[in-house]
Protein backbone atom coordinates (compact mmCIF):
# COMPACT_ATOMS: atom_id res chain seq x y z
CA UNK A 1 100.38 65.45 52.94
CA UNK A 2 97.35 63.59 51.57
CA UNK A 3 94.68 62.98 54.17
CA UNK A 4 92.21 60.26 53.28
CA UNK A 5 90.26 59.75 56.46
CA UNK A 6 89.98 62.52 59.05
CA UNK A 7 87.22 62.12 61.60
CA UNK A 8 86.08 63.54 64.90
CA UNK A 9 86.56 60.82 67.49
CA UNK A 10 85.71 61.98 71.02
CA UNK A 11 85.31 64.92 73.42
CA UNK A 12 86.78 64.30 76.86
CA UNK A 13 87.09 65.95 80.25
CA UNK A 14 89.26 63.44 82.13
CA UNK A 15 91.99 60.91 81.46
CA UNK A 16 89.77 57.85 81.79
CA UNK A 17 88.16 58.97 78.52
CA UNK A 18 91.37 59.53 76.50
CA UNK A 19 91.74 57.33 73.42
CA UNK A 20 93.66 54.14 74.21
CA UNK A 21 96.91 53.21 72.51
CA UNK A 22 100.03 55.15 71.59
CA UNK A 23 98.84 57.22 68.62
CA UNK A 24 100.77 60.53 68.73
CA UNK A 25 98.88 63.73 69.45
CA UNK A 26 99.37 67.22 68.02
CA UNK A 27 97.81 69.66 70.48
CA UNK A 28 96.23 72.99 69.51
CA UNK A 29 96.05 75.77 72.09
CA UNK A 30 94.92 79.36 71.72
CA UNK A 31 92.30 81.88 72.67
CA UNK A 32 88.67 81.25 71.82
CA UNK A 33 88.41 83.00 68.46
CA UNK A 34 91.91 82.43 67.09
CA UNK A 35 90.82 79.91 64.45
CA UNK A 36 91.80 76.46 65.78
CA UNK A 37 88.80 74.76 64.14
CA UNK A 38 89.49 76.54 60.84
CA UNK A 39 93.13 75.48 61.11
CA UNK A 40 92.14 71.79 61.50
CA UNK A 41 89.64 71.99 58.62
CA UNK A 42 92.09 73.63 56.24
CA UNK A 43 94.96 71.29 57.14
CA UNK A 44 92.88 68.20 56.35
CA UNK A 45 90.99 69.72 53.42
CA UNK A 46 87.55 69.44 55.00
CA UNK A 47 84.99 72.22 55.34
CA UNK A 48 83.36 71.24 58.59
CA UNK A 49 85.25 68.47 60.35
CA UNK A 50 85.88 70.79 63.29
CA UNK A 51 82.91 73.01 63.99
CA UNK A 52 83.62 76.71 63.90
CA UNK A 53 81.48 78.92 66.08
CA UNK A 54 80.61 82.59 65.93
CA UNK A 55 80.24 82.52 69.71
CA UNK A 56 83.70 82.20 71.31
CA UNK A 57 84.24 79.84 74.22
CA UNK A 58 81.97 77.02 73.04
CA UNK A 59 84.63 74.32 73.32
CA UNK A 60 84.74 73.16 76.92
CA UNK A 61 86.25 69.75 76.42
CA UNK A 62 89.32 68.34 74.70
CA UNK A 63 88.29 67.33 71.18
CA UNK A 64 90.21 64.49 69.52
CA UNK A 65 90.29 64.35 65.70
CA UNK A 66 91.66 61.12 64.25
CA UNK A 67 93.80 61.82 61.19
CA UNK A 68 94.19 58.66 59.08
CA UNK A 69 94.81 56.58 62.25
CA UNK A 70 98.27 58.19 62.05
CA UNK A 71 97.90 60.91 64.68
CA UNK A 72 95.31 63.03 66.49
CA UNK A 73 94.76 66.74 66.39
CA UNK A 74 93.66 67.59 69.93
CA UNK A 75 91.77 70.87 70.18
CA UNK A 76 91.97 72.34 73.69
CA UNK A 77 89.23 74.63 75.02
CA UNK A 78 89.99 78.23 74.03
CA UNK A 79 90.80 80.79 76.68
CA UNK A 80 90.03 84.46 77.16
CA UNK A 81 86.43 84.92 75.98
CA UNK A 82 84.32 82.23 77.49
CA UNK A 83 81.20 83.08 79.44
CA UNK A 84 81.73 80.07 81.70
CA UNK A 85 81.13 80.33 85.42
CA UNK A 86 84.20 80.38 87.66
CA UNK A 87 83.68 76.77 88.72
CA UNK A 88 83.36 75.67 85.07
CA UNK A 89 86.54 77.58 84.21
CA UNK A 90 88.38 75.84 87.04
CA UNK A 91 87.12 72.46 85.86
CA UNK A 92 88.32 73.13 82.31
CA UNK A 93 91.69 74.46 83.53
CA UNK A 94 92.21 71.34 85.68
CA UNK A 95 91.34 69.09 82.74
CA UNK A 96 93.78 70.92 80.40
CA UNK A 97 96.60 71.02 83.00
CA UNK A 98 96.26 67.34 83.74
CA UNK A 99 96.33 66.47 80.04
CA UNK A 100 99.32 68.66 79.16
CA UNK A 101 101.36 67.57 82.15
CA UNK A 102 100.68 63.83 82.14
CA UNK A 103 99.67 62.63 78.68
CA UNK A 104 102.48 60.51 77.20
CA UNK A 105 101.15 60.65 73.61
CA UNK A 106 101.69 64.40 73.15
CA UNK A 107 104.12 64.88 70.30
CA UNK A 108 103.89 68.59 69.59
CA UNK A 109 102.00 71.55 71.07
CA UNK A 110 100.93 74.30 68.68
CA UNK A 111 100.01 77.69 70.12
CA UNK A 112 97.91 79.73 67.70
CA UNK A 113 97.87 83.52 67.94
CA UNK A 114 96.23 86.07 65.63
CA UNK A 115 98.93 87.69 63.47
CA UNK A 116 97.05 91.02 63.48
CA UNK A 117 97.26 91.56 67.24
CA UNK A 118 99.96 91.70 69.87
CA UNK A 119 99.88 88.60 72.07
CA UNK A 120 97.60 89.08 75.07
CA UNK A 121 98.63 88.37 78.65
CA UNK A 122 96.70 85.09 78.33
CA UNK A 123 98.78 84.16 75.25
CA UNK A 124 102.02 84.95 77.11
CA UNK A 125 100.89 82.95 80.16
CA UNK A 126 99.95 79.99 77.93
CA UNK A 127 103.29 80.17 76.11
CA UNK A 128 105.17 80.19 79.42
CA UNK A 129 103.11 77.24 80.59
CA UNK A 130 103.80 75.28 77.37
CA UNK A 131 107.53 75.94 77.77
CA UNK A 132 107.35 74.74 81.39
CA UNK A 133 106.01 71.33 80.27
CA UNK A 134 109.33 70.69 78.48
CA UNK A 135 107.45 69.45 75.42
CA UNK A 136 108.20 70.28 71.80
CA UNK A 137 106.18 73.26 70.58
CA UNK A 138 105.72 75.74 67.76
CA UNK A 139 103.72 78.96 67.40
CA UNK A 140 101.44 79.58 64.43
CA UNK A 141 100.31 83.11 63.62
CA UNK A 142 96.87 82.59 62.09
CA UNK A 143 94.93 84.84 59.69
CA UNK A 144 98.06 85.78 57.72
CA UNK A 145 95.85 86.52 54.69
CA UNK A 146 94.41 89.51 56.57
CA UNK A 147 97.61 91.57 56.26
CA UNK A 148 99.80 92.51 53.31
CA UNK A 149 102.29 89.79 52.32
CA UNK A 150 105.13 92.30 52.66
CA UNK A 151 104.25 92.84 56.34
CA UNK A 152 103.94 89.18 57.37
CA UNK A 153 107.59 88.75 58.40
CA UNK A 154 107.74 91.87 60.58
CA UNK A 155 104.44 90.93 62.31
CA UNK A 156 105.73 87.41 62.95
CA UNK A 157 109.01 88.81 64.31
CA UNK A 158 107.13 91.12 66.70
CA UNK A 159 105.04 88.22 68.02
CA UNK A 160 108.14 86.03 68.41
CA UNK A 161 109.72 88.79 70.50
CA UNK A 162 106.60 89.28 72.66
CA UNK A 163 106.32 85.53 73.33
CA UNK A 164 110.10 85.09 73.67
CA UNK A 165 110.15 82.39 70.99
CA UNK A 166 113.00 81.52 68.62
CA UNK A 167 112.52 82.53 64.99
CA UNK A 168 112.58 78.93 63.74
CA UNK A 169 109.66 77.97 66.00
CA UNK A 170 107.10 80.48 64.70
CA UNK A 171 105.20 80.25 61.41
CA UNK A 172 102.58 82.34 59.61
CA UNK A 173 99.44 80.56 58.39
CA UNK A 174 96.17 81.27 56.61
CA UNK A 175 93.21 78.88 56.80
CA UNK A 176 91.50 80.89 54.05
CA UNK A 177 94.20 80.72 51.38
CA UNK A 178 96.19 77.79 52.82
CA UNK A 179 99.30 79.92 52.51
CA UNK A 180 102.27 78.26 54.26
CA UNK A 181 100.42 74.93 54.65
CA UNK A 182 103.44 72.93 53.37
CA UNK A 183 105.68 74.49 56.03
CA UNK A 184 103.31 73.40 58.79
CA UNK A 185 102.98 69.84 57.44
CA UNK A 186 106.76 69.65 57.25
CA UNK A 187 107.09 70.53 60.96
CA UNK A 188 104.29 68.13 61.94
CA UNK A 189 105.79 65.26 59.93
CA UNK A 190 109.21 65.92 61.39
CA UNK A 191 107.81 65.79 64.92
CA UNK A 192 105.84 62.59 64.16
CA UNK A 193 108.91 60.89 62.70
CA UNK A 194 111.37 61.87 65.41
């Protein structure tokens, strides 16, 4: 897919701030250092559209990235590493829950997990929560360039098992080499056109 105009649009905490209109939204969930910003940048061929941070847990709001006025990537705050206070964590959790449960524009939820590690309890909880919303979802195993190509399938299979996800809903991905990028665009386009 050729992207001509990808831009950061807005960071929000509550629904009064959501972008107006019916533009579909592709939501990215995952723990703080899983590579959601790198995923966005590599998918749209931009180096620093989404800011990557060496300090996990920096994203505390929902970040909307406008992709050619065709759809939004919505980057949710990462979980698992943040040094937020308990009250801040609760505020973020409320904001995310409200968005995932009530937002009509959500077209697809993507859970990113690191291919090199077994899913954490937080990943499993998030996956269960995503399933409970009844929305369409896929899982992307990021950092696939960090393991041997011959091992990718078995790692993906293990993660699918741990998350209790069907084989056709989980995909390897590398932001570094852009391996498997066509597969992901295919799934996104299919969801946008359905």
